[in-house]
Structures are given as structure tokens and as C-alpha cells.
Amino acid sequence: MQFDLGRDIDAAEQDVQAAINAASNLLPTSLPAPPTYSKSNPADSPILTLSISSDTLPLDQVDDVADSILAQKIAQVAGVGLVTINGGQKPAVRVQVDPRRWPAPGSAWTTCERFWSPPT
């Protein structure tokens, strides 16, 4: 959606909410959460920068905690307009292989690895 710069921000926010509501029946029922939006000024400077790490959890689990717990809690604080997560490693695809069905006749684990590995 695009709005004129002179448009009242609160009226634009209502339009966004109305558009989300109107489209809700077109969205897949398997969505883990309904769509959300935030009202923020992209020119604002961050007021808080956090860095998280773990000596015991792998990076993908630290990412999951930062994204699904920490960012969600911070976003609920009154006055917070935007929470962004930077860095980390998010896999584009996660593959689960059913060991009862693998290996298929004439195939090997290296076939699966080769298929899902990035080109070298």
C-alpha cells in the first residue's frame, strides 16, 4: 500500500488494518499467526541494540529464540515502534528425510546431500 505524505497517519493505519481484515479469508489457514503491521518512522535511530549468543545452543536455535521470543516481547512494550533482527543464520530450506523411506533403491545419502547442497 502507498499513501500520500500528507495523509493522516492514523487514518492510513486504519486503512491498513481494514485491508488485512478484508484479505484474511484469502490467506492459507495454515499460517502460524495472522498478518501484522507496525506504525514506525524509518528515519528514527535505534535506541537499543542487543547482542545475544550462547555457549550451549547452536546458532539456529539462538536465532529462533531471538526471533520468536525476545523480539516478540520487546515489540509488546508500549512505545516500541519497530523491532528488527539482524545477523545470525537463517536457513532458506530445512529438509527432513524419513529414514524409513531412505535410502530408496539405487540411491545413497550423498545423493540427498548433493541435491540440497549449494553449488560450489
PDB file of N, CA and C in Angstrom:
ATOM      1  N   MET A   1       0.842  -1.172   0.000  1.00  0.00           N
ATOM      2  CA  MET A   1       0.000   0.000   0.000  1.00  0.00           C
ATOM      3  C   MET A   1       0.886   1.235   0.000  1.00  0.00           C
ATOM      4  N   GLN A   2       0.443   2.247  -0.679  1.00  0.00           N
ATOM      5  CA  GLN A   2       1.146   3.514  -0.685  1.00  0.00           C
ATOM      6  C   GLN A   2       0.182   4.618  -0.282  1.00  0.00           C
ATOM      7  N   PHE A   3       0.715   5.594   0.440  1.00  0.00           N
ATOM      8  CA  PHE A   3      -0.087   6.716   0.885  1.00  0.00           C
ATOM      9  C   PHE A   3       0.633   8.006   0.539  1.00  0.00           C
ATOM     10  N   ASP A   4      -0.131   9.061   0.345  1.00  0.00           N
ATOM     11  CA  ASP A   4       0.462  10.385   0.143  1.00  0.00           C
ATOM     12  C   ASP A   4       1.127  10.819   1.442  1.00  0.00           C
ATOM     13  N   LEU A   5       2.218  11.578   1.316  1.00  0.00           N
ATOM     14  CA  LEU A   5       2.921  12.046   2.506  1.00  0.00           C
ATOM     15  C   LEU A   5       2.049  12.927   3.392  1.00  0.00           C
ATOM     16  N   GLY A   6       1.066  13.579   2.818  1.00  0.00           N
ATOM     17  CA  GLY A   6       0.188  14.437   3.597  1.00  0.00           C
ATOM     18  C   GLY A   6      -0.942  13.693   4.297  1.00  0.00           C
ATOM     19  N   ARG A   7      -1.051  12.404   4.056  1.00  0.00           N
ATOM     20  CA  ARG A   7      -2.137  11.596   4.636  1.00  0.00           C
ATOM     21  C   ARG A   7      -1.966  11.463   6.142  1.00  0.00           C
ATOM     22  N   ASP A   8      -3.077  11.587   6.872  1.00  0.00           N
ATOM     23  CA  ASP A   8      -3.050  11.404   8.318  1.00  0.00           C
ATOM     24  C   ASP A   8      -2.606   9.976   8.633  1.00  0.00           C
ATOM     25  N   ILE A   9      -1.597   9.831   9.472  1.00  0.00           N
ATOM     26  CA  ILE A   9      -1.011   8.519   9.755  1.00  0.00           C
ATOM     27  C   ILE A   9      -2.008   7.586  10.435  1.00  0.00           C
ATOM     28  N   ASP A  10      -2.868   8.131  11.290  1.00  0.00           N
ATOM     29  CA  ASP A  10      -3.849   7.291  11.976  1.00  0.00           C
ATOM     30  C   ASP A  10      -4.909   6.765  11.007  1.00  0.00           C
ATOM     31  N   ALA A  11      -5.310   7.592  10.041  1.00  0.00           N
ATOM     32  CA  ALA A  11      -6.271   7.147   9.028  1.00  0.00           C
ATOM     33  C   ALA A  11      -5.631   6.088   8.128  1.00  0.00           C
ATOM     34  N   ALA A  12      -4.363   6.284   7.788  1.00  0.00           N
ATOM     35  CA  ALA A  12      -3.651   5.291   6.979  1.00  0.00           C
ATOM     36  C   ALA A  12      -3.543   3.975   7.733  1.00  0.00           C
ATOM     37  N   GLU A  13      -3.298   4.046   9.031  1.00  0.00           N
ATOM     38  CA  GLU A  13      -3.216   2.835   9.849  1.00  0.00           C
ATOM     39  C   GLU A  13      -4.542   2.076   9.821  1.00  0.00           C
ATOM     40  N   GLN A  14      -5.653   2.793   9.898  1.00  0.00           N
ATOM     41  CA  GLN A  14      -6.962   2.154   9.833  1.00  0.00           C
ATOM     42  C   GLN A  14      -7.184   1.484   8.478  1.00  0.00           C
ATOM     43  N   ASP A  15      -6.699   2.134   7.408  1.00  0.00           N
ATOM     44  CA  ASP A  15      -6.814   1.541   6.072  1.00  0.00           C
ATOM     45  C   ASP A  15      -6.024   0.239   5.972  1.00  0.00           C
ATOM     46  N   VAL A  16      -4.845   0.226   6.565  1.00  0.00           N
ATOM     47  CA  VAL A  16      -4.018  -0.984   6.545  1.00  0.00           C
ATOM     48  C   VAL A  16      -4.731  -2.105   7.300  1.00  0.00           C
ATOM     49  N   GLN A  17      -5.262  -1.810   8.466  1.00  0.00           N
ATOM     50  CA  GLN A  17      -5.974  -2.822   9.237  1.00  0.00           C
ATOM     51  C   GLN A  17      -7.198  -3.334   8.474  1.00  0.00           C
ATOM     52  N   ALA A  18      -7.910  -2.431   7.812  1.00  0.00           N
ATOM     53  CA  ALA A  18      -9.077  -2.830   7.024  1.00  0.00           C
ATOM     54  C   ALA A  18      -8.667  -3.742   5.861  1.00  0.00           C
ATOM     55  N   ALA A  19      -7.546  -3.437   5.219  1.00  0.00           N
ATOM     56  CA  ALA A  19      -7.070  -4.269   4.111  1.00  0.00           C
ATOM     57  C   ALA A  19      -6.665  -5.656   4.607  1.00  0.00           C
ATOM     58  N   ILE A  20      -6.019  -5.722   5.757  1.00  0.00           N
ATOM     59  CA  ILE A  20      -5.644  -7.020   6.341  1.00  0.00           C
ATOM     60  C   ILE A  20      -6.906  -7.819   6.656  1.00  0.00           C
ATOM     61  N   ASN A  21      -7.881  -7.178   7.260  1.00  0.00           N
ATOM     62  CA  ASN A  21      -9.130  -7.861   7.596  1.00  0.00           C
ATOM     63  C   ASN A  21      -9.845  -8.364   6.342  1.00  0.00           C
ATOM     64  N   ALA A  22      -9.861  -7.545   5.295  1.00  0.00           N
ATOM     65  CA  ALA A  22     -10.544  -7.924   4.057  1.00  0.00           C
ATOM     66  C   ALA A  22      -9.860  -9.099   3.369  1.00  0.00           C
ATOM     67  N   ALA A  23      -8.546  -9.194   3.520  1.00  0.00           N
ATOM     68  CA  ALA A  23      -7.798 -10.266   2.857  1.00  0.00           C
ATOM     69  C   ALA A  23      -7.691 -11.533   3.698  1.00  0.00           C
ATOM     70  N   SER A  24      -8.132 -11.493   4.934  1.00  0.00           N
ATOM     71  CA  SER A  24      -7.905 -12.628   5.838  1.00  0.00           C
ATOM     72  C   SER A  24      -8.530 -13.919   5.338  1.00  0.00           C
ATOM     73  N   ASN A  25      -9.676 -13.854   4.652  1.00  0.00           N
ATOM     74  CA  ASN A  25     -10.285 -15.085   4.158  1.00  0.00           C
ATOM     75  C   ASN A  25      -9.581 -15.632   2.919  1.00  0.00           C
ATOM     76  N   LEU A  26      -8.673 -14.876   2.341  1.00  0.00           N
ATOM     77  CA  LEU A  26      -7.909 -15.334   1.178  1.00  0.00           C
ATOM     78  C   LEU A  26      -6.581 -15.993   1.568  1.00  0.00           C
ATOM     79  N   LEU A  27      -6.222 -15.890   2.840  1.00  0.00           N
ATOM     80  CA  LEU A  27      -4.939 -16.410   3.307  1.00  0.00           C
ATOM     81  C   LEU A  27      -5.056 -17.882   3.670  1.00  0.00           C
ATOM     82  N   PRO A  28      -3.942 -18.620   3.568  1.00  0.00           N
ATOM     83  CA  PRO A  28      -3.973 -20.033   3.947  1.00  0.00           C
ATOM     84  C   PRO A  28      -4.323 -20.198   5.426  1.00  0.00           C
ATOM     85  N   THR A  29      -5.086 -21.212   5.728  1.00  0.00           N
ATOM     86  CA  THR A  29      -5.459 -21.462   7.116  1.00  0.00           C
ATOM     87  C   THR A  29      -4.288 -22.006   7.920  1.00  0.00           C
ATOM     88  N   SER A  30      -3.228 -22.416   7.248  1.00  0.00           N
ATOM     89  CA  SER A  30      -2.070 -22.980   7.935  1.00  0.00           C
ATOM     90  C   SER A  30      -1.078 -21.926   8.411  1.00  0.00           C
ATOM     91  N   LEU A  31      -1.381 -20.648   8.231  1.00  0.00           N
ATOM     92  CA  LEU A  31      -0.473 -19.605   8.722  1.00  0.00           C
ATOM     93  C   LEU A  31      -0.297 -19.754  10.229  1.00  0.00           C
ATOM     94  N   PRO A  32       0.945 -19.660  10.726  1.00  0.00           N
ATOM     95  CA  PRO A  32       1.162 -19.808  12.165  1.00  0.00           C
ATOM     96  C   PRO A  32       0.599 -18.642  12.974  1.00  0.00           C
ATOM     97  N   ALA A  33       0.445 -17.489  12.344  1.00  0.00           N
ATOM     98  CA  ALA A  33      -0.094 -16.311  13.038  1.00  0.00           C
ATOM     99  C   ALA A  33      -0.726 -15.394  11.992  1.00  0.00           C
ATOM    100  N   PRO A  34      -1.700 -14.599  12.399  1.00  0.00           N
ATOM    101  CA  PRO A  34      -2.297 -13.672  11.431  1.00  0.00           C
ATOM    102  C   PRO A  34      -1.296 -12.589  11.028  1.00  0.00           C
ATOM    103  N   PRO A  35      -1.488 -11.963   9.880  1.00  0.00           N
ATOM    104  CA  PRO A  35      -0.583 -10.885   9.457  1.00  0.00           C
ATOM    105  C   PRO A  35      -0.615  -9.730  10.457  1.00  0.00           C
ATOM    106  N   THR A  36       0.507  -9.060  10.575  1.00  0.00           N
ATOM    107  CA  THR A  36       0.602  -7.918  11.467  1.00  0.00           C
ATOM    108  C   THR A  36       1.259  -6.756  10.729  1.00  0.00           C
ATOM    109  N   TYR A  37       1.175  -5.589  11.302  1.00  0.00           N
ATOM    110  CA  TYR A  37       1.844  -4.421  10.767  1.00  0.00           C
ATOM    111  C   TYR A  37       2.307  -3.582  11.938  1.00  0.00           C
ATOM    112  N   SER A  38       3.182  -2.646  11.664  1.00  0.00           N
ATOM    113  CA  SER A  38       3.603  -1.728  12.714  1.00  0.00           C
ATOM    114  C   SER A  38       3.664  -0.325  12.138  1.00  0.00           C
ATOM    115  N   LYS A  39       3.425   0.633  12.967  1.00  0.00           N
ATOM    116  CA  LYS A  39       3.488   2.036  12.579  1.00  0.00           C
ATOM    117  C   LYS A  39       4.778   2.588  13.158  1.00  0.00           C
ATOM    118  N   SER A  40       5.714   2.945  12.294  1.00  0.00           N
ATOM    119  CA  SER A  40       7.000   3.449  12.767  1.00  0.00           C
ATOM    120  C   SER A  40       7.575   4.425  11.757  1.00  0.00           C
ATOM    121  N   ASN A  41       8.546   5.170  12.213  1.00  0.00           N
ATOM    122  CA  ASN A  41       9.244   6.121  11.365  1.00  0.00           C
ATOM    123  C   ASN A  41      10.592   5.510  10.993  1.00  0.00           C
ATOM    124  N   PRO A  42      10.807   5.158   9.726  1.00  0.00           N
ATOM    125  CA  PRO A  42      12.068   4.531   9.333  1.00  0.00           C
ATOM    126  C   PRO A  42      13.283   5.437   9.510  1.00  0.00           C
ATOM    127  N   ALA A  43      13.053   6.738   9.686  1.00  0.00           N
ATOM    128  CA  ALA A  43      14.170   7.660   9.883  1.00  0.00           C
ATOM    129  C   ALA A  43      14.633   7.690  11.339  1.00  0.00           C
ATOM    130  N   ASP A  44      13.848   7.108  12.245  1.00  0.00           N
ATOM    131  CA  ASP A  44      14.240   7.085  13.653  1.00  0.00           C
ATOM    132  C   ASP A  44      15.486   6.233  13.850  1.00  0.00           C
ATOM    133  N   SER A  45      16.336   6.656  14.754  1.00  0.00           N
ATOM    134  CA  SER A  45      17.532   5.892  15.092  1.00  0.00           C
ATOM    135  C   SER A  45      17.195   4.859  16.159  1.00  0.00           C
ATOM    136  N   PRO A  46      17.886   3.725  16.137  1.00  0.00           N
ATOM    137  CA  PRO A  46      17.646   2.733  17.198  1.00  0.00           C
ATOM    138  C   PRO A  46      17.990   3.318  18.565  1.00  0.00           C
ATOM    139  N   ILE A  47      17.209   2.958  19.556  1.00  0.00           N
ATOM    140  CA  ILE A  47      17.507   3.416  20.910  1.00  0.00           C
ATOM    141  C   ILE A  47      18.086   2.286  21.756  1.00  0.00           C
ATOM    142  N   LEU A  48      18.027   1.071  21.237  1.00  0.00           N
ATOM    143  CA  LEU A  48      18.547  -0.073  21.967  1.00  0.00           C
ATOM    144  C   LEU A  48      19.084  -1.080  20.969  1.00  0.00           C
ATOM    145  N   THR A  49      20.300  -1.523  21.189  1.00  0.00           N
ATOM    146  CA  THR A  49      20.895  -2.567  20.372  1.00  0.00           C
ATOM    147  C   THR A  49      21.337  -3.683  21.298  1.00  0.00           C
ATOM    148  N   LEU A  50      20.870  -4.893  21.033  1.00  0.00           N
ATOM    149  CA  LEU A  50      21.227  -6.047  21.846  1.00  0.00           C
ATOM    150  C   LEU A  50      22.020  -7.035  21.017  1.00  0.00           C
ATOM    151  N   SER A  51      22.892  -7.734  21.669  1.00  0.00           N
ATOM    152  CA  SER A  51      23.623  -8.820  21.034  1.00  0.00           C
ATOM    153  C   SER A  51      23.420 -10.052  21.900  1.00  0.00           C
ATOM    154  N   ILE A  52      23.045 -11.148  21.283  1.00  0.00           N
ATOM    155  CA  ILE A  52      22.867 -12.371  22.065  1.00  0.00           C
ATOM    156  C   ILE A  52      23.738 -13.478  21.483  1.00  0.00           C
ATOM    157  N   SER A  53      24.172 -14.351  22.364  1.00  0.00           N
ATOM    158  CA  SER A  53      24.974 -15.504  21.960  1.00  0.00           C
ATOM    159  C   SER A  53      24.758 -16.589  22.997  1.00  0.00           C
ATOM    160  N   SER A  54      25.277 -17.767  22.710  1.00  0.00           N
ATOM    161  CA  SER A  54      25.141 -18.879  23.644  1.00  0.00           C
ATOM    162  C   SER A  54      26.355 -19.781  23.543  1.00  0.00           C
ATOM    163  N   ASP A  55      26.803 -20.242  24.689  1.00  0.00           N
ATOM    164  CA  ASP A  55      27.887 -21.223  24.718  1.00  0.00           C
ATOM    165  C   ASP A  55      27.356 -22.636  24.568  1.00  0.00           C
ATOM    166  N   THR A  56      26.034 -22.813  24.686  1.00  0.00           N
ATOM    167  CA  THR A  56      25.475 -24.166  24.662  1.00  0.00           C
ATOM    168  C   THR A  56      24.508 -24.425  23.510  1.00  0.00           C
ATOM    169  N   LEU A  57      23.864 -23.390  22.986  1.00  0.00           N
ATOM    170  CA  LEU A  57      22.908 -23.589  21.902  1.00  0.00           C
ATOM    171  C   LEU A  57      23.547 -23.317  20.550  1.00  0.00           C
ATOM    172  N   PRO A  58      23.148 -24.069  19.526  1.00  0.00           N
ATOM    173  CA  PRO A  58      23.627 -23.762  18.180  1.00  0.00           C
ATOM    174  C   PRO A  58      23.015 -22.448  17.682  1.00  0.00           C
ATOM    175  N   LEU A  59      23.665 -21.834  16.715  1.00  0.00           N
ATOM    176  CA  LEU A  59      23.265 -20.518  16.230  1.00  0.00           C
ATOM    177  C   LEU A  59      21.825 -20.485  15.732  1.00  0.00           C
ATOM    178  N   ASP A  60      21.363 -21.543  15.073  1.00  0.00           N
ATOM    179  CA  ASP A  60      19.993 -21.524  14.569  1.00  0.00           C
ATOM    180  C   ASP A  60      18.976 -21.488  15.712  1.00  0.00           C
ATOM    181  N   GLN A  61      19.281 -22.117  16.844  1.00  0.00           N
ATOM    182  CA  GLN A  61      18.383 -22.067  17.995  1.00  0.00           C
ATOM    183  C   GLN A  61      18.432 -20.694  18.672  1.00  0.00           C
ATOM    184  N   VAL A  62      19.598 -20.089  18.705  1.00  0.00           N
ATOM    185  CA  VAL A  62      19.714 -18.724  19.247  1.00  0.00           C
ATOM    186  C   VAL A  62      18.885 -17.780  18.378  1.00  0.00           C
ATOM    187  N   ASP A  63      18.965 -17.943  17.057  1.00  0.00           N
ATOM    188  CA  ASP A  63      18.148 -17.158  16.130  1.00  0.00           C
ATOM    189  C   ASP A  63      16.664 -17.321  16.425  1.00  0.00           C
ATOM    190  N   ASP A  64      16.248 -18.570  16.607  1.00  0.00           N
ATOM    191  CA  ASP A  64      14.837 -18.839  16.880  1.00  0.00           C
ATOM    192  C   ASP A  64      14.379 -18.159  18.164  1.00  0.00           C
ATOM    193  N   VAL A  65      15.191 -18.219  19.208  1.00  0.00           N
ATOM    194  CA  VAL A  65      14.847 -17.573  20.481  1.00  0.00           C
ATOM    195  C   VAL A  65      14.757 -16.060  20.291  1.00  0.00           C
ATOM    196  N   ALA A  66      15.731 -15.479  19.596  1.00  0.00           N
ATOM    197  CA  ALA A  66      15.728 -14.030  19.367  1.00  0.00           C
ATOM    198  C   ALA A  66      14.492 -13.602  18.584  1.00  0.00           C
ATOM    199  N   ASP A  67      14.139 -14.378  17.576  1.00  0.00           N
ATOM    200  CA  ASP A  67      13.031 -14.019  16.704  1.00  0.00           C
ATOM    201  C   ASP A  67      11.672 -14.309  17.329  1.00  0.00           C
ATOM    202  N   SER A  68      11.505 -15.480  17.904  1.00  0.00           N
ATOM    203  CA  SER A  68      10.178 -15.893  18.365  1.00  0.00           C
ATOM    204  C   SER A  68       9.861 -15.488  19.802  1.00  0.00           C
ATOM    205  N   ILE A  69      10.859 -15.204  20.602  1.00  0.00           N
ATOM    206  CA  ILE A  69      10.583 -14.845  21.995  1.00  0.00           C
ATOM    207  C   ILE A  69      11.018 -13.411  22.286  1.00  0.00           C
ATOM    208  N   LEU A  70      12.312 -13.152  22.155  1.00  0.00           N
ATOM    209  CA  LEU A  70      12.850 -11.852  22.548  1.00  0.00           C
ATOM    210  C   LEU A  70      12.235 -10.702  21.754  1.00  0.00           C
ATOM    211  N   ALA A  71      12.249 -10.787  20.432  1.00  0.00           N
ATOM    212  CA  ALA A  71      11.710  -9.702  19.603  1.00  0.00           C
ATOM    213  C   ALA A  71      10.222  -9.511  19.848  1.00  0.00           C
ATOM    214  N   GLN A  72       9.493 -10.606  20.039  1.00  0.00           N
ATOM    215  CA  GLN A  72       8.054 -10.510  20.283  1.00  0.00           C
ATOM    216  C   GLN A  72       7.767  -9.793  21.600  1.00  0.00           C
ATOM    217  N   LYS A  73       8.532 -10.102  22.637  1.00  0.00           N
ATOM    218  CA  LYS A  73       8.327  -9.457  23.941  1.00  0.00           C
ATOM    219  C   LYS A  73       8.680  -7.968  23.881  1.00  0.00           C
ATOM    220  N   ILE A  74       9.782  -7.647  23.222  1.00  0.00           N
ATOM    221  CA  ILE A  74      10.186  -6.235  23.112  1.00  0.00           C
ATOM    222  C   ILE A  74       9.144  -5.453  22.309  1.00  0.00           C
ATOM    223  N   ALA A  75       8.599  -6.062  21.255  1.00  0.00           N
ATOM    224  CA  ALA A  75       7.613  -5.390  20.414  1.00  0.00           C
ATOM    225  C   ALA A  75       6.335  -5.069  21.181  1.00  0.00           C
ATOM    226  N   GLN A  76       6.073  -5.783  22.262  1.00  0.00           N
ATOM    227  CA  GLN A  76       4.853  -5.550  23.047  1.00  0.00           C
ATOM    228  C   GLN A  76       4.999  -4.418  24.062  1.00  0.00           C
ATOM    229  N   VAL A  77       6.213  -3.918  24.228  1.00  0.00           N
ATOM    230  CA  VAL A  77       6.436  -2.819  25.173  1.00  0.00           C
ATOM    231  C   VAL A  77       5.815  -1.542  24.606  1.00  0.00           C
ATOM    232  N   ALA A  78       5.075  -0.840  25.440  1.00  0.00           N
ATOM    233  CA  ALA A  78       4.427   0.397  24.999  1.00  0.00           C
ATOM    234  C   ALA A  78       5.460   1.374  24.459  1.00  0.00           C
ATOM    235  N   GLY A  79       5.168   1.960  23.303  1.00  0.00           N
ATOM    236  CA  GLY A  79       6.045   2.952  22.702  1.00  0.00           C
ATOM    237  C   GLY A  79       7.055   2.381  21.726  1.00  0.00           C
ATOM    238  N   VAL A  80       7.205   1.057  21.668  1.00  0.00           N
ATOM    239  CA  VAL A  80       8.136   0.446  20.714  1.00  0.00           C
ATOM    240  C   VAL A  80       7.451   0.407  19.360  1.00  0.00           C
ATOM    241  N   GLY A  81       8.096   0.998  18.361  1.00  0.00           N
ATOM    242  CA  GLY A  81       7.507   1.052  17.025  1.00  0.00           C
ATOM    243  C   GLY A  81       7.975  -0.053  16.118  1.00  0.00           C
ATOM    244  N   LEU A  82       9.208  -0.482  16.283  1.00  0.00           N
ATOM    245  CA  LEU A  82       9.762  -1.459  15.355  1.00  0.00           C
ATOM    246  C   LEU A  82      10.879  -2.237  16.031  1.00  0.00           C
ATOM    247  N   VAL A  83      10.870  -3.541  15.828  1.00  0.00           N
ATOM    248  CA  VAL A  83      11.942  -4.406  16.311  1.00  0.00           C
ATOM    249  C   VAL A  83      12.488  -5.147  15.097  1.00  0.00           C
ATOM    250  N   THR A  84      13.794  -5.056  14.882  1.00  0.00           N
ATOM    251  CA  THR A  84      14.406  -5.776  13.768  1.00  0.00           C
ATOM    252  C   THR A  84      15.472  -6.708  14.294  1.00  0.00           C
ATOM    253  N   ILE A  85      15.627  -7.823  13.612  1.00  0.00           N
ATOM    254  CA  ILE A  85      16.642  -8.816  13.939  1.00  0.00           C
ATOM    255  C   ILE A  85      17.650  -8.809  12.793  1.00  0.00           C
ATOM    256  N   ASN A  86      18.904  -8.631  13.113  1.00  0.00           N
ATOM    257  CA  ASN A  86      19.964  -8.637  12.107  1.00  0.00           C
ATOM    258  C   ASN A  86      20.999  -9.695  12.456  1.00  0.00           C
ATOM    259  N   GLY A  87      21.684 -10.172  11.452  1.00  0.00           N
ATOM    260  CA  GLY A  87      22.729 -11.161  11.677  1.00  0.00           C
ATOM    261  C   GLY A  87      22.158 -12.549  11.817  1.00  0.00           C
ATOM    262  N   GLY A  88      22.954 -13.426  12.355  1.00  0.00           N
ATOM    263  CA  GLY A  88      22.514 -14.799  12.529  1.00  0.00           C
ATOM    264  C   GLY A  88      22.518 -15.560  11.214  1.00  0.00           C
ATOM    265  N   GLN A  89      22.025 -16.744  11.288  1.00  0.00           N
ATOM    266  CA  GLN A  89      21.957 -17.594  10.105  1.00  0.00           C
ATOM    267  C   GLN A  89      20.579 -18.227  10.049  1.00  0.00           C
ATOM    268  N   LYS A  90      19.813 -17.870   9.047  1.00  0.00           N
ATOM    269  CA  LYS A  90      18.505 -18.466   8.866  1.00  0.00           C
ATOM    270  C   LYS A  90      18.551 -19.336   7.615  1.00  0.00           C
ATOM    271  N   PRO A  91      18.278 -20.613   7.792  1.00  0.00           N
ATOM    272  CA  PRO A  91      18.292 -21.477   6.614  1.00  0.00           C
ATOM    273  C   PRO A  91      17.108 -21.156   5.701  1.00  0.00           C
ATOM    274  N   ALA A  92      17.350 -21.214   4.418  1.00  0.00           N
ATOM    275  CA  ALA A  92      16.281 -20.965   3.467  1.00  0.00           C
ATOM    276  C   ALA A  92      15.355 -22.176   3.380  1.00  0.00           C
ATOM    277  N   VAL A  93      15.919 -23.354   3.547  1.00  0.00           N
ATOM    278  CA  VAL A  93      15.146 -24.586   3.442  1.00  0.00           C
ATOM    279  C   VAL A  93      15.635 -25.555   4.505  1.00  0.00           C
ATOM    280  N   ARG A  94      14.710 -26.182   5.190  1.00  0.00           N
ATOM    281  CA  ARG A  94      15.050 -27.260   6.113  1.00  0.00           C
ATOM    282  C   ARG A  94      14.488 -28.539   5.527  1.00  0.00           C
ATOM    283  N   VAL A  95      15.314 -29.552   5.447  1.00  0.00           N
ATOM    284  CA  VAL A  95      14.911 -30.814   4.842  1.00  0.00           C
ATOM    285  C   VAL A  95      14.863 -31.885   5.921  1.00  0.00           C
ATOM    286  N   GLN A  96      13.746 -32.579   5.985  1.00  0.00           N
ATOM    287  CA  GLN A  96      13.633 -33.728   6.866  1.00  0.00           C
ATOM    288  C   GLN A  96      13.464 -34.953   5.993  1.00  0.00           C
ATOM    289  N   VAL A  97      14.329 -35.920   6.197  1.00  0.00           N
ATOM    290  CA  VAL A  97      14.268 -37.154   5.426  1.00  0.00           C
ATOM    291  C   VAL A  97      13.704 -38.245   6.323  1.00  0.00           C
ATOM    292  N   ASP A  98      12.716 -38.950   5.822  1.00  0.00           N
ATOM    293  CA  ASP A  98      12.117 -40.055   6.560  1.00  0.00           C
ATOM    294  C   ASP A  98      13.055 -41.258   6.446  1.00  0.00           C
ATOM    295  N   PRO A  99      13.723 -41.650   7.537  1.00  0.00           N
ATOM    296  CA  PRO A  99      14.695 -42.743   7.451  1.00  0.00           C
ATOM    297  C   PRO A  99      14.060 -44.080   7.080  1.00  0.00           C
ATOM    298  N   ARG A 100      12.734 -44.202   7.276  1.00  0.00           N
ATOM    299  CA  ARG A 100      12.072 -45.456   6.887  1.00  0.00           C
ATOM    300  C   ARG A 100      11.940 -45.556   5.380  1.00  0.00           C
ATOM    301  N   ARG A 101      11.991 -44.430   4.706  1.00  0.00           N
ATOM    302  CA  ARG A 101      11.849 -44.421   3.244  1.00  0.00           C
ATOM    303  C   ARG A 101      13.172 -44.206   2.529  1.00  0.00           C
ATOM    304  N   TRP A 102      14.226 -44.001   3.264  1.00  0.00           N
ATOM    305  CA  TRP A 102      15.530 -43.739   2.647  1.00  0.00           C
ATOM    306  C   TRP A 102      16.511 -44.762   3.137  1.00  0.00           C
ATOM    307  N   PRO A 103      17.385 -45.284   2.414  1.00  0.00           N
ATOM    308  CA  PRO A 103      17.602 -44.930   1.014  1.00  0.00           C
ATOM    309  C   PRO A 103      16.645 -45.679   0.094  1.00  0.00           C
ATOM    310  N   ALA A 104      16.252 -44.987  -0.933  1.00  0.00           N
ATOM    311  CA  ALA A 104      15.451 -45.621  -1.974  1.00  0.00           C
ATOM    312  C   ALA A 104      16.371 -46.527  -2.788  1.00  0.00           C
ATOM    313  N   PRO A 105      15.826 -47.523  -3.460  1.00  0.00           N
ATOM    314  CA  PRO A 105      16.678 -48.416  -4.253  1.00  0.00           C
ATOM    315  C   PRO A 105      17.583 -47.634  -5.210  1.00  0.00           C
ATOM    316  N   GLY A 106      18.862 -47.930  -5.154  1.00  0.00           N
ATOM    317  CA  GLY A 106      19.828 -47.305  -6.058  1.00  0.00           C
ATOM    318  C   GLY A 106      20.252 -45.902  -5.664  1.00  0.00           C
ATOM    319  N   SER A 107      19.959 -45.464  -4.445  1.00  0.00           N
ATOM    320  CA  SER A 107      20.363 -44.127  -4.041  1.00  0.00           C
ATOM    321  C   SER A 107      21.171 -44.199  -2.751  1.00  0.00           C
ATOM    322  N   ALA A 108      21.830 -43.121  -2.438  1.00  0.00           N
ATOM    323  CA  ALA A 108      22.663 -43.061  -1.236  1.00  0.00           C
ATOM    324  C   ALA A 108      22.448 -41.708  -0.570  1.00  0.00           C
ATOM    325  N   TRP A 109      22.911 -41.594   0.690  1.00  0.00           N
ATOM    326  CA  TRP A 109      22.790 -40.324   1.404  1.00  0.00           C
ATOM    327  C   TRP A 109      23.491 -39.209   0.648  1.00  0.00           C
ATOM    328  N   THR A 110      24.573 -39.526  -0.006  1.00  0.00           N
ATOM    329  CA  THR A 110      25.303 -38.487  -0.746  1.00  0.00           C
ATOM    330  C   THR A 110      24.435 -37.886  -1.851  1.00  0.00           C
ATOM    331  N   THR A 111      23.502 -38.678  -2.384  1.00  0.00           N
ATOM    332  CA  THR A 111      22.591 -38.145  -3.404  1.00  0.00           C
ATOM    333  C   THR A 111      21.730 -37.040  -2.808  1.00  0.00           C
ATOM    334  N   CYS A 112      21.205 -37.277  -1.620  1.00  0.00           N
ATOM    335  CA  CYS A 112      20.385 -36.271  -0.942  1.00  0.00           C
ATOM    336  C   CYS A 112      21.232 -35.052  -0.590  1.00  0.00           C
ATOM    337  N   GLU A 113      22.411 -35.271  -0.043  1.00  0.00           N
ATOM    338  CA  GLU A 113      23.299 -34.167   0.322  1.00  0.00           C
ATOM    339  C   GLU A 113      23.673 -33.338  -0.901  1.00  0.00           C
ATOM    340  N   ARG A 114      23.991 -34.015  -1.988  1.00  0.00           N
ATOM    341  CA  ARG A 114      24.396 -33.327  -3.211  1.00  0.00           C
ATOM    342  C   ARG A 114      23.241 -32.489  -3.754  1.00  0.00           C
ATOM    343  N   PHE A 115      22.020 -33.002  -3.682  1.00  0.00           N
ATOM    344  CA  PHE A 115      20.863 -32.293  -4.186  1.00  0.00           C
ATOM    345  C   PHE A 115      20.597 -31.012  -3.409  1.00  0.00           C
ATOM    346  N   TRP A 116      20.733 -31.043  -2.086  1.00  0.00           N
ATOM    347  CA  TRP A 116      20.395 -29.893  -1.250  1.00  0.00           C
ATOM    348  C   TRP A 116      21.581 -28.997  -0.934  1.00  0.00           C
ATOM    349  N   SER A 117      22.789 -29.378  -1.314  1.00  0.00           N
ATOM    350  CA  SER A 117      23.960 -28.548  -1.030  1.00  0.00           C
ATOM    351  C   SER A 117      24.067 -27.420  -2.039  1.00  0.00           C
ATOM    352  N   PRO A 118      24.580 -26.261  -1.624  1.00  0.00           N
ATOM    353  CA  PRO A 118      24.747 -25.173  -2.579  1.00  0.00           C
ATOM    354  C   PRO A 118      25.824 -25.523  -3.588  1.00  0.00           C
ATOM    355  N   PRO A 119      25.709 -24.992  -4.805  1.00  0.00           N
ATOM    356  CA  PRO A 119      26.732 -25.267  -5.820  1.00  0.00           C
ATOM    357  C   PRO A 119      28.087 -24.715  -5.396  1.00  0.00           C
ATOM    358  N   THR A 120      29.108 -25.407  -5.796  1.00  0.00           N
ATOM    359  CA  THR A 120      30.476 -24.955  -5.449  1.00  0.00           C
ATOM    360  C   THR A 120      31.165 -24.330  -6.631  1.00  0.00           C
TER     361      THR A 120
END
